[in-house]
Amino acid sequence: MPETRPPAEDTCGRCKQTRPLFAAKTEWGRVPPLLCSPCWSRYADARARNTFVDFNDAFDNATDEQLSDALGLNA
């Protein structure tokens, strides 16, 4: 049976804490490639709701319309 290893600990690409890291999904767009479990979950939950984690995520991945909606410019 192959040996399973825990994920390597390093600095999370979002929160900058040293924790075990997991690969981000490519379909999430421009996000840090390695995320700790809490940050990975934030991206997964946001994408499941068709939203964004924070302004930087929206700026990098939202359409112009989605970003305008988030900023309240389409009211």
C-alpha atoms as a PDB file:
ATOM      1  CA  MET A   1       0.000   0.000   0.000  1.00  0.00           C
ATOM      2  CA  PRO A   2       1.426   3.421  -0.924  1.00  0.00           C
ATOM      3  CA  GLU A   3       2.465   5.715   1.872  1.00  0.00           C
ATOM      4  CA  THR A   4       0.295   8.807   2.290  1.00  0.00           C
ATOM      5  CA  ARG A   5       1.886  12.004   3.472  1.00  0.00           C
ATOM      6  CA  PRO A   6       0.297  15.054   5.029  1.00  0.00           C
ATOM      7  CA  PRO A   7       0.511  18.192   2.897  1.00  0.00           C
ATOM      8  CA  ALA A   8       3.747  20.137   3.248  1.00  0.00           C
ATOM      9  CA  GLU A   9       3.655  23.178   5.496  1.00  0.00           C
ATOM     10  CA  ASP A  10       4.538  26.495   3.926  1.00  0.00           C
ATOM     11  CA  THR A  11       3.193  30.037   3.718  1.00  0.00           C
ATOM     12  CA  CYS A  12      -0.390  30.362   2.466  1.00  0.00           C
ATOM     13  CA  GLY A  13      -0.687  32.484  -0.672  1.00  0.00           C
ATOM     14  CA  ARG A  14      -3.622  34.431   0.790  1.00  0.00           C
ATOM     15  CA  CYS A  15      -3.350  34.782   4.597  1.00  0.00           C
ATOM     16  CA  LYS A  16       0.463  34.381   4.747  1.00  0.00           C
ATOM     17  CA  GLN A  17       0.296  31.990   7.718  1.00  0.00           C
ATOM     18  CA  THR A  18       2.434  28.866   7.863  1.00  0.00           C
ATOM     19  CA  ARG A  19       0.087  25.909   7.556  1.00  0.00           C
ATOM     20  CA  PRO A  20      -0.378  22.761   5.485  1.00  0.00           C
ATOM     21  CA  LEU A  21      -1.186  23.857   1.923  1.00  0.00           C
ATOM     22  CA  PHE A  22      -3.515  22.587  -0.767  1.00  0.00           C
ATOM     23  CA  ALA A  23      -3.603  23.347  -4.485  1.00  0.00           C
ATOM     24  CA  ALA A  24      -6.218  25.840  -5.683  1.00  0.00           C
ATOM     25  CA  LYS A  25      -8.526  24.734  -8.481  1.00  0.00           C
ATOM     26  CA  THR A  26      -7.680  26.228 -11.854  1.00  0.00           C
ATOM     27  CA  GLU A  27     -11.341  27.027 -12.563  1.00  0.00           C
ATOM     28  CA  TRP A  28     -11.249  29.548  -9.696  1.00  0.00           C
ATOM     29  CA  GLY A  29      -9.294  31.943 -11.908  1.00  0.00           C
ATOM     30  CA  ARG A  30      -6.347  34.028 -10.773  1.00  0.00           C
ATOM     31  CA  VAL A  31      -5.897  32.907  -7.167  1.00  0.00           C
ATOM     32  CA  PRO A  32      -2.790  31.962  -5.192  1.00  0.00           C
ATOM     33  CA  PRO A  33      -1.767  28.461  -6.301  1.00  0.00           C
ATOM     34  CA  LEU A  34      -1.310  27.119  -2.756  1.00  0.00           C
ATOM     35  CA  LEU A  35      -3.769  27.841   0.040  1.00  0.00           C
ATOM     36  CA  CYS A  36      -4.238  26.720   3.630  1.00  0.00           C
ATOM     37  CA  SER A  37      -7.437  24.881   4.460  1.00  0.00           C
ATOM     38  CA  PRO A  38      -9.415  27.936   5.708  1.00  0.00           C
ATOM     39  CA  CYS A  39      -8.483  30.014   2.647  1.00  0.00           C
ATOM     40  CA  TRP A  40      -9.098  27.091   0.274  1.00  0.00           C
ATOM     41  CA  SER A  41     -12.567  26.756   1.818  1.00  0.00           C
ATOM     42  CA  ARG A  42     -13.255  30.483   1.386  1.00  0.00           C
ATOM     43  CA  TYR A  43     -12.535  30.243  -2.346  1.00  0.00           C
ATOM     44  CA  ALA A  44     -14.555  27.033  -2.716  1.00  0.00           C
ATOM     45  CA  ASP A  45     -17.554  28.551  -0.891  1.00  0.00           C
ATOM     46  CA  ALA A  46     -17.351  31.819  -2.818  1.00  0.00           C
ATOM     47  CA  ARG A  47     -17.209  30.061  -6.183  1.00  0.00           C
ATOM     48  CA  ALA A  48     -20.095  27.770  -5.207  1.00  0.00           C
ATOM     49  CA  ARG A  49     -22.158  30.925  -4.498  1.00  0.00           C
ATOM     50  CA  ASN A  50     -20.852  32.611  -7.675  1.00  0.00           C
ATOM     51  CA  THR A  51     -19.246  35.363  -5.561  1.00  0.00           C
ATOM     52  CA  PHE A  52     -15.741  36.431  -4.593  1.00  0.00           C
ATOM     53  CA  VAL A  53     -13.614  36.164  -1.454  1.00  0.00           C
ATOM     54  CA  ASP A  54     -12.672  39.841  -1.239  1.00  0.00           C
ATOM     55  CA  PHE A  55     -12.093  42.918  -3.380  1.00  0.00           C
ATOM     56  CA  ASN A  56      -8.742  41.636  -4.691  1.00  0.00           C
ATOM     57  CA  ASP A  57     -10.350  38.381  -5.795  1.00  0.00           C
ATOM     58  CA  ALA A  58     -13.179  40.274  -7.495  1.00  0.00           C
ATOM     59  CA  PHE A  59     -10.730  42.676  -9.141  1.00  0.00           C
ATOM     60  CA  ASP A  60      -8.713  39.773 -10.561  1.00  0.00           C
ATOM     61  CA  ASN A  61     -11.586  37.454 -11.524  1.00  0.00           C
ATOM     62  CA  ALA A  62     -14.905  39.302 -11.864  1.00  0.00           C
ATOM     63  CA  THR A  63     -16.351  40.514 -15.110  1.00  0.00           C
ATOM     64  CA  ASP A  64     -16.734  44.286 -15.449  1.00  0.00           C
ATOM     65  CA  GLU A  65     -20.445  43.894 -14.703  1.00  0.00           C
ATOM     66  CA  GLN A  66     -19.834  41.791 -11.570  1.00  0.00           C
ATOM     67  CA  LEU A  67     -17.242  44.260 -10.283  1.00  0.00           C
ATOM     68  CA  SER A  68     -19.562  47.216 -10.910  1.00  0.00           C
ATOM     69  CA  ASP A  69     -22.348  45.400  -9.046  1.00  0.00           C
ATOM     70  CA  ALA A  70     -20.036  44.679  -6.117  1.00  0.00           C
ATOM     71  CA  LEU A  71     -19.024  48.340  -5.944  1.00  0.00           C
ATOM     72  CA  GLY A  72     -22.638  49.503  -6.175  1.00  0.00           C
ATOM     73  CA  LEU A  73     -22.138  51.275  -9.497  1.00  0.00           C
ATOM     74  CA  ASN A  74     -25.067  49.529 -11.232  1.00  0.00           C
ATOM     75  CA  ALA A  75     -27.699  50.640  -8.732  1.00  0.00           C
END
